[in-house]
Amino acid sequence: MHRTIIFLLTLTGFIMTRHQAIAETIQKHGGAQLLADQVGCSANTLYRAASPEPSNADIAFGKIERLVEVTHDYRILDYLNWRFDFFKCAYPIMRASEMDLLTVIERLQLAQIRTSMHARAYYQNPNAETKDRLDLAILNLFEIAEGLRLQTKS
């Protein structure tokens, strides 16, 4: 499937393109000059990667990988997952001392209800917006369920 314009619906609900994901990562973490040495490229390479011009947007995958590693900012991965019809599920780290089992079960129940509501909304009005909301609800449900599984693991 070929997409001419690529958009990303982040967990905050803000839609961005690939270059915006890179630009926001660079801006949020001190700018291209500061990150260039840590990433192992020139500031100009980072500026070009953040450019909306398609001819300027090429950057080696190793540099993208290093940018994510240095900044711990995953919006670029969110873009890639969305672009190739995957979704990332953060590996939740919940310890019994941080959150008791009943709280996790309550969160799971609420997530199931939200997912059901978004599924109903999507099937009543199937469009990109309701699909994105359903996808995010399912992702949230998976994350909470995995946290519960880890917490109850013996």
N, C-alpha and C. Protein backbone atom coordinates (compact mmCIF):
# COMPACT_ATOMS: atom_id res chain seq x y z
N MET A 1 0.84 -1.17 0.00
CA MET A 1 0.00 0.00 0.00
C MET A 1 0.88 1.23 0.00
N HIS A 2 0.68 2.14 -0.94
CA HIS A 2 1.48 3.35 -1.06
C HIS A 2 0.69 4.54 -0.52
N ARG A 3 1.33 5.31 0.33
CA ARG A 3 0.69 6.50 0.88
C ARG A 3 1.49 7.71 0.46
N THR A 4 0.85 8.65 -0.19
CA THR A 4 1.54 9.84 -0.64
C THR A 4 1.89 10.76 0.52
N ILE A 5 0.94 10.99 1.39
CA ILE A 5 1.17 11.82 2.57
C ILE A 5 1.03 10.93 3.78
N ILE A 6 2.04 10.92 4.61
CA ILE A 6 2.06 10.05 5.77
C ILE A 6 1.71 10.87 7.01
N PHE A 7 0.74 10.39 7.76
CA PHE A 7 0.36 11.04 9.00
C PHE A 7 0.51 10.07 10.16
N LEU A 8 0.66 10.62 11.33
CA LEU A 8 0.79 9.82 12.55
C LEU A 8 -0.17 10.36 13.58
N LEU A 9 -0.95 9.49 14.16
CA LEU A 9 -1.79 9.88 15.28
C LEU A 9 -1.08 9.39 16.53
N THR A 10 -0.57 10.32 17.30
CA THR A 10 0.17 9.94 18.50
C THR A 10 -0.80 9.70 19.63
N LEU A 11 -0.28 9.23 20.73
CA LEU A 11 -1.13 8.95 21.88
C LEU A 11 -1.78 10.21 22.43
N THR A 12 -1.22 11.38 22.12
CA THR A 12 -1.83 12.62 22.58
C THR A 12 -2.94 13.07 21.65
N GLY A 13 -3.10 12.39 20.53
CA GLY A 13 -4.14 12.75 19.58
C GLY A 13 -3.68 13.76 18.56
N PHE A 14 -2.41 14.15 18.56
CA PHE A 14 -1.90 15.13 17.62
C PHE A 14 -1.40 14.42 16.38
N ILE A 15 -1.77 14.90 15.22
CA ILE A 15 -1.37 14.26 13.97
C ILE A 15 -0.11 14.94 13.44
N MET A 16 0.89 14.14 13.05
CA MET A 16 2.12 14.71 12.52
C MET A 16 2.65 13.85 11.38
N THR A 17 3.54 14.44 10.60
CA THR A 17 4.20 13.73 9.52
C THR A 17 5.56 13.23 10.01
N ARG A 18 6.24 12.48 9.17
CA ARG A 18 7.55 11.93 9.54
C ARG A 18 8.53 13.04 9.91
N HIS A 19 8.62 14.06 9.05
CA HIS A 19 9.59 15.12 9.35
C HIS A 19 9.22 15.88 10.62
N GLN A 20 7.91 15.99 10.91
CA GLN A 20 7.51 16.65 12.15
C GLN A 20 7.91 15.83 13.37
N ALA A 21 7.80 14.50 13.26
CA ALA A 21 8.21 13.63 14.37
C ALA A 21 9.70 13.83 14.65
N ILE A 22 10.51 13.89 13.60
CA ILE A 22 11.94 14.09 13.76
C ILE A 22 12.21 15.50 14.29
N ALA A 23 11.54 16.51 13.72
CA ALA A 23 11.76 17.91 14.14
C ALA A 23 11.40 18.10 15.62
N GLU A 24 10.28 17.53 16.05
CA GLU A 24 9.88 17.68 17.45
C GLU A 24 10.84 16.96 18.39
N THR A 25 11.33 15.82 17.97
CA THR A 25 12.32 15.11 18.78
C THR A 25 13.57 15.97 18.95
N ILE A 26 14.05 16.54 17.85
CA ILE A 26 15.25 17.38 17.90
C ILE A 26 15.00 18.61 18.78
N GLN A 27 13.88 19.26 18.58
CA GLN A 27 13.57 20.48 19.34
C GLN A 27 13.42 20.18 20.83
N LYS A 28 12.73 19.11 21.15
CA LYS A 28 12.46 18.77 22.55
C LYS A 28 13.74 18.42 23.32
N HIS A 29 14.77 17.99 22.62
CA HIS A 29 15.97 17.50 23.29
C HIS A 29 17.21 18.35 23.02
N GLY A 30 17.01 19.66 22.91
CA GLY A 30 18.14 20.59 22.89
C GLY A 30 18.57 21.10 21.54
N GLY A 31 17.97 20.64 20.47
CA GLY A 31 18.31 21.16 19.15
C GLY A 31 19.33 20.33 18.41
N ALA A 32 19.43 20.60 17.12
CA ALA A 32 20.30 19.82 16.24
C ALA A 32 21.77 19.96 16.60
N GLN A 33 22.19 21.18 16.97
CA GLN A 33 23.60 21.39 17.31
C GLN A 33 24.02 20.50 18.48
N LEU A 34 23.19 20.48 19.51
CA LEU A 34 23.51 19.70 20.71
C LEU A 34 23.49 18.20 20.43
N LEU A 35 22.50 17.74 19.65
CA LEU A 35 22.34 16.31 19.41
C LEU A 35 23.30 15.75 18.36
N ALA A 36 23.80 16.59 17.47
CA ALA A 36 24.61 16.11 16.34
C ALA A 36 25.80 15.27 16.79
N ASP A 37 26.55 15.76 17.76
CA ASP A 37 27.72 15.00 18.23
C ASP A 37 27.32 13.67 18.85
N GLN A 38 26.24 13.69 19.62
CA GLN A 38 25.79 12.47 20.29
C GLN A 38 25.28 11.43 19.29
N VAL A 39 24.66 11.92 18.22
CA VAL A 39 24.11 11.03 17.20
C VAL A 39 25.20 10.57 16.24
N GLY A 40 26.23 11.38 16.07
CA GLY A 40 27.32 11.03 15.17
C GLY A 40 27.10 11.51 13.76
N CYS A 41 26.51 12.70 13.63
CA CYS A 41 26.31 13.29 12.31
C CYS A 41 26.38 14.81 12.46
N SER A 42 26.26 15.49 11.35
CA SER A 42 26.29 16.96 11.41
C SER A 42 24.92 17.49 11.80
N ALA A 43 24.91 18.70 12.32
CA ALA A 43 23.64 19.36 12.64
C ALA A 43 22.83 19.54 11.35
N ASN A 44 23.53 19.78 10.25
CA ASN A 44 22.85 19.96 8.96
C ASN A 44 22.09 18.70 8.56
N THR A 45 22.65 17.52 8.84
CA THR A 45 21.97 16.26 8.53
C THR A 45 20.66 16.16 9.31
N LEU A 46 20.70 16.56 10.59
CA LEU A 46 19.48 16.52 11.39
C LEU A 46 18.47 17.56 10.90
N TYR A 47 18.95 18.75 10.54
CA TYR A 47 18.04 19.77 9.99
C TYR A 47 17.36 19.26 8.72
N ARG A 48 18.14 18.61 7.84
CA ARG A 48 17.57 18.08 6.59
C ARG A 48 16.54 16.99 6.88
N ALA A 49 16.82 16.13 7.86
CA ALA A 49 15.88 15.06 8.20
C ALA A 49 14.56 15.63 8.71
N ALA A 50 14.61 16.80 9.32
CA ALA A 50 13.41 17.43 9.86
C ALA A 50 12.72 18.32 8.83
N SER A 51 13.28 18.41 7.65
CA SER A 51 12.74 19.27 6.60
C SER A 51 11.51 18.64 5.95
N PRO A 52 10.49 19.46 5.66
CA PRO A 52 9.30 18.92 4.99
C PRO A 52 9.54 18.58 3.52
N GLU A 53 10.67 19.01 2.97
CA GLU A 53 10.98 18.72 1.57
C GLU A 53 11.42 17.26 1.43
N PRO A 54 10.72 16.47 0.62
CA PRO A 54 11.05 15.03 0.50
C PRO A 54 12.50 14.78 0.10
N SER A 55 13.07 15.64 -0.74
CA SER A 55 14.45 15.41 -1.19
C SER A 55 15.45 15.64 -0.07
N ASN A 56 15.07 16.36 0.96
CA ASN A 56 15.98 16.65 2.06
C ASN A 56 15.83 15.68 3.23
N ALA A 57 14.80 14.85 3.21
CA ALA A 57 14.44 14.08 4.40
C ALA A 57 15.23 12.79 4.59
N ASP A 58 16.10 12.41 3.66
CA ASP A 58 16.83 11.16 3.80
C ASP A 58 17.87 11.25 4.90
N ILE A 59 17.88 10.26 5.75
CA ILE A 59 18.87 10.15 6.82
C ILE A 59 19.10 8.66 7.05
N ALA A 60 20.33 8.28 7.28
CA ALA A 60 20.67 6.88 7.47
C ALA A 60 19.92 6.31 8.67
N PHE A 61 19.46 5.08 8.54
CA PHE A 61 18.70 4.45 9.61
C PHE A 61 19.50 4.41 10.91
N GLY A 62 20.80 4.18 10.81
CA GLY A 62 21.64 4.16 12.00
C GLY A 62 21.60 5.47 12.76
N LYS A 63 21.46 6.57 12.04
CA LYS A 63 21.38 7.89 12.69
C LYS A 63 20.03 8.05 13.39
N ILE A 64 18.97 7.55 12.77
CA ILE A 64 17.65 7.59 13.40
C ILE A 64 17.67 6.73 14.67
N GLU A 65 18.26 5.56 14.54
CA GLU A 65 18.36 4.65 15.69
C GLU A 65 19.13 5.33 16.83
N ARG A 66 20.21 5.98 16.50
CA ARG A 66 21.02 6.67 17.51
C ARG A 66 20.26 7.85 18.12
N LEU A 67 19.50 8.58 17.30
CA LEU A 67 18.70 9.70 17.79
C LEU A 67 17.69 9.23 18.83
N VAL A 68 17.03 8.12 18.55
CA VAL A 68 16.07 7.56 19.51
C VAL A 68 16.80 7.11 20.77
N GLU A 69 17.94 6.47 20.60
CA GLU A 69 18.72 5.99 21.74
C GLU A 69 19.19 7.14 22.63
N VAL A 70 19.65 8.22 22.03
CA VAL A 70 20.17 9.37 22.78
C VAL A 70 19.05 10.13 23.48
N THR A 71 17.93 10.31 22.81
CA THR A 71 16.85 11.14 23.36
C THR A 71 15.82 10.37 24.17
N HIS A 72 15.74 9.07 23.97
CA HIS A 72 14.68 8.24 24.57
C HIS A 72 13.31 8.78 24.17
N ASP A 73 13.22 9.34 22.98
CA ASP A 73 11.98 9.90 22.46
C ASP A 73 11.52 8.97 21.34
N TYR A 74 10.32 8.39 21.49
CA TYR A 74 9.90 7.31 20.61
C TYR A 74 8.89 7.73 19.55
N ARG A 75 8.68 9.03 19.36
CA ARG A 75 7.69 9.45 18.36
C ARG A 75 8.10 9.04 16.95
N ILE A 76 9.40 8.91 16.68
CA ILE A 76 9.84 8.45 15.36
C ILE A 76 9.45 6.98 15.19
N LEU A 77 9.60 6.18 16.24
CA LEU A 77 9.19 4.78 16.17
C LEU A 77 7.67 4.67 16.03
N ASP A 78 6.95 5.57 16.71
CA ASP A 78 5.49 5.59 16.55
C ASP A 78 5.14 5.79 15.08
N TYR A 79 5.85 6.72 14.43
CA TYR A 79 5.62 6.97 13.01
C TYR A 79 5.88 5.71 12.18
N LEU A 80 7.02 5.07 12.41
CA LEU A 80 7.37 3.88 11.63
C LEU A 80 6.37 2.75 11.86
N ASN A 81 5.97 2.56 13.11
CA ASN A 81 4.97 1.53 13.39
C ASN A 81 3.67 1.81 12.66
N TRP A 82 3.24 3.05 12.70
CA TRP A 82 2.00 3.41 12.01
C TRP A 82 2.15 3.24 10.51
N ARG A 83 3.29 3.67 9.98
CA ARG A 83 3.53 3.64 8.53
C ARG A 83 3.43 2.22 7.97
N PHE A 84 3.86 1.25 8.76
CA PHE A 84 3.87 -0.13 8.28
C PHE A 84 2.81 -0.99 8.95
N ASP A 85 1.75 -0.32 9.46
CA ASP A 85 0.58 -0.99 10.03
C ASP A 85 0.90 -1.90 11.21
N PHE A 86 1.83 -1.44 12.04
CA PHE A 86 2.13 -2.11 13.30
C PHE A 86 1.78 -1.14 14.41
N PHE A 87 1.76 -1.61 15.62
CA PHE A 87 1.68 -0.70 16.74
C PHE A 87 2.63 -1.19 17.80
N LYS A 88 3.18 -0.25 18.54
CA LYS A 88 4.10 -0.65 19.58
C LYS A 88 3.34 -0.73 20.88
N CYS A 89 3.71 -1.69 21.66
CA CYS A 89 3.10 -1.85 22.97
C CYS A 89 4.24 -1.75 23.97
N ALA A 90 4.27 -0.67 24.70
CA ALA A 90 5.34 -0.48 25.68
C ALA A 90 5.30 -1.62 26.68
N TYR A 91 6.45 -2.09 27.03
CA TYR A 91 6.54 -3.18 27.99
C TYR A 91 6.34 -2.57 29.37
N PRO A 92 5.17 -2.76 29.95
CA PRO A 92 4.89 -2.08 31.22
C PRO A 92 5.68 -2.69 32.37
N ILE A 93 6.12 -1.84 33.24
CA ILE A 93 6.82 -2.30 34.42
C ILE A 93 5.99 -1.88 35.62
N MET A 94 5.25 -2.82 36.17
CA MET A 94 4.44 -2.55 37.35
C MET A 94 4.86 -3.52 38.43
N ARG A 95 5.10 -3.01 39.57
CA ARG A 95 5.45 -3.83 40.71
C ARG A 95 4.33 -3.75 41.73
N ALA A 96 4.15 -4.82 42.48
CA ALA A 96 3.08 -4.87 43.47
C ALA A 96 3.17 -3.72 44.46
N SER A 97 4.38 -3.28 44.77
CA SER A 97 4.53 -2.18 45.72
C SER A 97 4.04 -0.87 45.13
N GLU A 98 4.08 -0.74 43.80
CA GLU A 98 3.66 0.50 43.15
C GLU A 98 2.15 0.55 42.92
N MET A 99 1.56 -0.58 42.63
CA MET A 99 0.15 -0.60 42.29
C MET A 99 -0.42 -1.95 42.71
N ASP A 100 -1.43 -1.93 43.54
CA ASP A 100 -1.97 -3.21 43.98
C ASP A 100 -2.81 -3.87 42.89
N LEU A 101 -3.01 -5.14 43.05
CA LEU A 101 -3.69 -5.95 42.04
C LEU A 101 -5.10 -5.44 41.74
N LEU A 102 -5.83 -5.02 42.75
CA LEU A 102 -7.20 -4.52 42.51
C LEU A 102 -7.21 -3.26 41.65
N THR A 103 -6.23 -2.40 41.83
CA THR A 103 -6.14 -1.19 41.01
C THR A 103 -5.89 -1.56 39.55
N VAL A 104 -5.02 -2.53 39.33
CA VAL A 104 -4.73 -2.97 37.96
C VAL A 104 -5.98 -3.58 37.33
N ILE A 105 -6.72 -4.38 38.09
CA ILE A 105 -7.94 -4.99 37.57
C ILE A 105 -8.97 -3.92 37.24
N GLU A 106 -9.10 -2.90 38.08
CA GLU A 106 -10.02 -1.80 37.78
C GLU A 106 -9.62 -1.07 36.51
N ARG A 107 -8.32 -0.82 36.34
CA ARG A 107 -7.84 -0.17 35.11
C ARG A 107 -8.14 -1.03 33.89
N LEU A 108 -7.98 -2.34 34.02
CA LEU A 108 -8.27 -3.26 32.93
C LEU A 108 -9.75 -3.21 32.56
N GLN A 109 -10.62 -3.20 33.56
CA GLN A 109 -12.05 -3.15 33.29
C GLN A 109 -12.43 -1.84 32.58
N LEU A 110 -11.88 -0.74 33.04
CA LEU A 110 -12.17 0.56 32.40
C LEU A 110 -11.65 0.58 30.96
N ALA A 111 -10.48 0.00 30.74
CA ALA A 111 -9.92 -0.06 29.39
C ALA A 111 -10.80 -0.92 28.48
N GLN A 112 -11.36 -2.02 29.02
CA GLN A 112 -12.25 -2.87 28.23
C GLN A 112 -13.51 -2.10 27.84
N ILE A 113 -14.05 -1.34 28.77
CA ILE A 113 -15.25 -0.55 28.47
C ILE A 113 -14.95 0.50 27.41
N ARG A 114 -13.81 1.21 27.57
CA ARG A 114 -13.44 2.22 26.56
C ARG A 114 -13.23 1.59 25.19
N THR A 115 -12.60 0.43 25.17
CA THR A 115 -12.37 -0.25 23.89
C THR A 115 -13.70 -0.64 23.25
N SER A 116 -14.62 -1.15 24.03
CA SER A 116 -15.95 -1.50 23.51
C SER A 116 -16.67 -0.28 22.95
N MET A 117 -16.57 0.84 23.67
CA MET A 117 -17.23 2.07 23.21
C MET A 117 -16.63 2.54 21.89
N HIS A 118 -15.29 2.49 21.77
CA HIS A 118 -14.63 2.91 20.53
C HIS A 118 -14.92 1.94 19.39
N ALA A 119 -15.05 0.65 19.71
CA ALA A 119 -15.40 -0.34 18.67
C ALA A 119 -16.81 -0.05 18.14
N ARG A 120 -17.73 0.22 19.04
CA ARG A 120 -19.10 0.54 18.62
C ARG A 120 -19.11 1.80 17.76
N ALA A 121 -18.37 2.83 18.19
CA ALA A 121 -18.31 4.08 17.43
C ALA A 121 -17.73 3.85 16.04
N TYR A 122 -16.69 3.00 15.95
CA TYR A 122 -16.09 2.72 14.65
C TYR A 122 -17.07 1.98 13.72
N TYR A 123 -17.76 0.98 14.25
CA TYR A 123 -18.66 0.21 13.40
C TYR A 123 -19.92 0.99 13.03
N GLN A 124 -20.28 1.98 13.84
CA GLN A 124 -21.41 2.84 13.49
C GLN A 124 -21.00 3.90 12.48
N ASN A 125 -19.73 4.33 12.54
CA ASN A 125 -19.24 5.39 11.66
C ASN A 125 -17.78 5.10 11.30
N PRO A 126 -17.56 4.15 10.37
CA PRO A 126 -16.18 3.77 10.05
C PRO A 126 -15.46 4.87 9.26
N ASN A 127 -14.50 5.49 9.90
CA ASN A 127 -13.66 6.48 9.23
C ASN A 127 -12.30 6.46 9.91
N ALA A 128 -11.37 7.24 9.39
CA ALA A 128 -10.00 7.23 9.90
C ALA A 128 -9.93 7.64 11.38
N GLU A 129 -10.71 8.63 11.75
CA GLU A 129 -10.67 9.12 13.14
C GLU A 129 -11.17 8.07 14.13
N THR A 130 -12.30 7.44 13.83
CA THR A 130 -12.83 6.43 14.76
C THR A 130 -11.93 5.19 14.78
N LYS A 131 -11.29 4.87 13.65
CA LYS A 131 -10.36 3.74 13.61
C LYS A 131 -9.13 4.02 14.46
N ASP A 132 -8.58 5.24 14.35
CA ASP A 132 -7.42 5.60 15.16
C ASP A 132 -7.74 5.55 16.65
N ARG A 133 -8.93 6.03 17.02
CA ARG A 133 -9.33 5.98 18.43
C ARG A 133 -9.48 4.54 18.91
N LEU A 134 -10.03 3.69 18.06
CA LEU A 134 -10.17 2.27 18.41
C LEU A 134 -8.79 1.63 18.56
N ASP A 135 -7.88 1.91 17.63
CA ASP A 135 -6.53 1.36 17.71
C ASP A 135 -5.84 1.77 19.00
N LEU A 136 -5.97 3.03 19.40
CA LEU A 136 -5.35 3.50 20.64
C LEU A 136 -5.97 2.84 21.87
N ALA A 137 -7.28 2.64 21.84
CA ALA A 137 -7.96 1.98 22.96
C ALA A 137 -7.49 0.53 23.09
N ILE A 138 -7.34 -0.15 21.96
CA ILE A 138 -6.86 -1.53 21.97
C ILE A 138 -5.42 -1.58 22.49
N LEU A 139 -4.58 -0.67 22.04
CA LEU A 139 -3.21 -0.59 22.52
C LEU A 139 -3.17 -0.41 24.04
N ASN A 140 -3.98 0.51 24.56
CA ASN A 140 -4.05 0.74 25.99
C ASN A 140 -4.50 -0.53 26.73
N LEU A 141 -5.50 -1.21 26.17
CA LEU A 141 -5.99 -2.45 26.77
C LEU A 141 -4.88 -3.50 26.83
N PHE A 142 -4.12 -3.65 25.74
CA PHE A 142 -3.02 -4.62 25.71
C PHE A 142 -1.96 -4.28 26.76
N GLU A 143 -1.62 -3.00 26.88
CA GLU A 143 -0.60 -2.60 27.84
C GLU A 143 -1.02 -2.93 29.27
N ILE A 144 -2.27 -2.63 29.60
CA ILE A 144 -2.75 -2.91 30.96
C ILE A 144 -2.83 -4.42 31.19
N ALA A 145 -3.30 -5.16 30.19
CA ALA A 145 -3.39 -6.62 30.33
C ALA A 145 -2.01 -7.24 30.51
N GLU A 146 -1.02 -6.74 29.78
CA GLU A 146 0.34 -7.25 29.94
C GLU A 146 0.88 -6.92 31.32
N GLY A 147 0.57 -5.73 31.83
CA GLY A 147 0.98 -5.38 33.18
C GLY A 147 0.37 -6.31 34.21
N LEU A 148 -0.90 -6.65 34.02
CA LEU A 148 -1.56 -7.59 34.92
C LEU A 148 -0.93 -8.97 34.85
N ARG A 149 -0.62 -9.39 33.62
CA ARG A 149 0.02 -10.70 33.44
C ARG A 149 1.37 -10.75 34.16
N LEU A 150 2.14 -9.68 34.02
CA LEU A 150 3.45 -9.64 34.68
C LEU A 150 3.32 -9.60 36.19
N GLN A 151 2.34 -8.88 36.68
CA GLN A 151 2.17 -8.75 38.12
C GLN A 151 1.71 -10.05 38.76
N THR A 152 0.93 -10.85 38.04
CA THR A 152 0.41 -12.09 38.60
C THR A 152 1.29 -13.29 38.28
N LYS A 153 2.36 -13.05 37.54
CA LYS A 153 3.28 -14.12 37.18
C LYS A 153 3.97 -14.67 38.42
N SER A 154 3.98 -15.99 38.54
CA SER A 154 4.61 -16.56 39.74
C SER A 154 6.02 -17.02 39.47
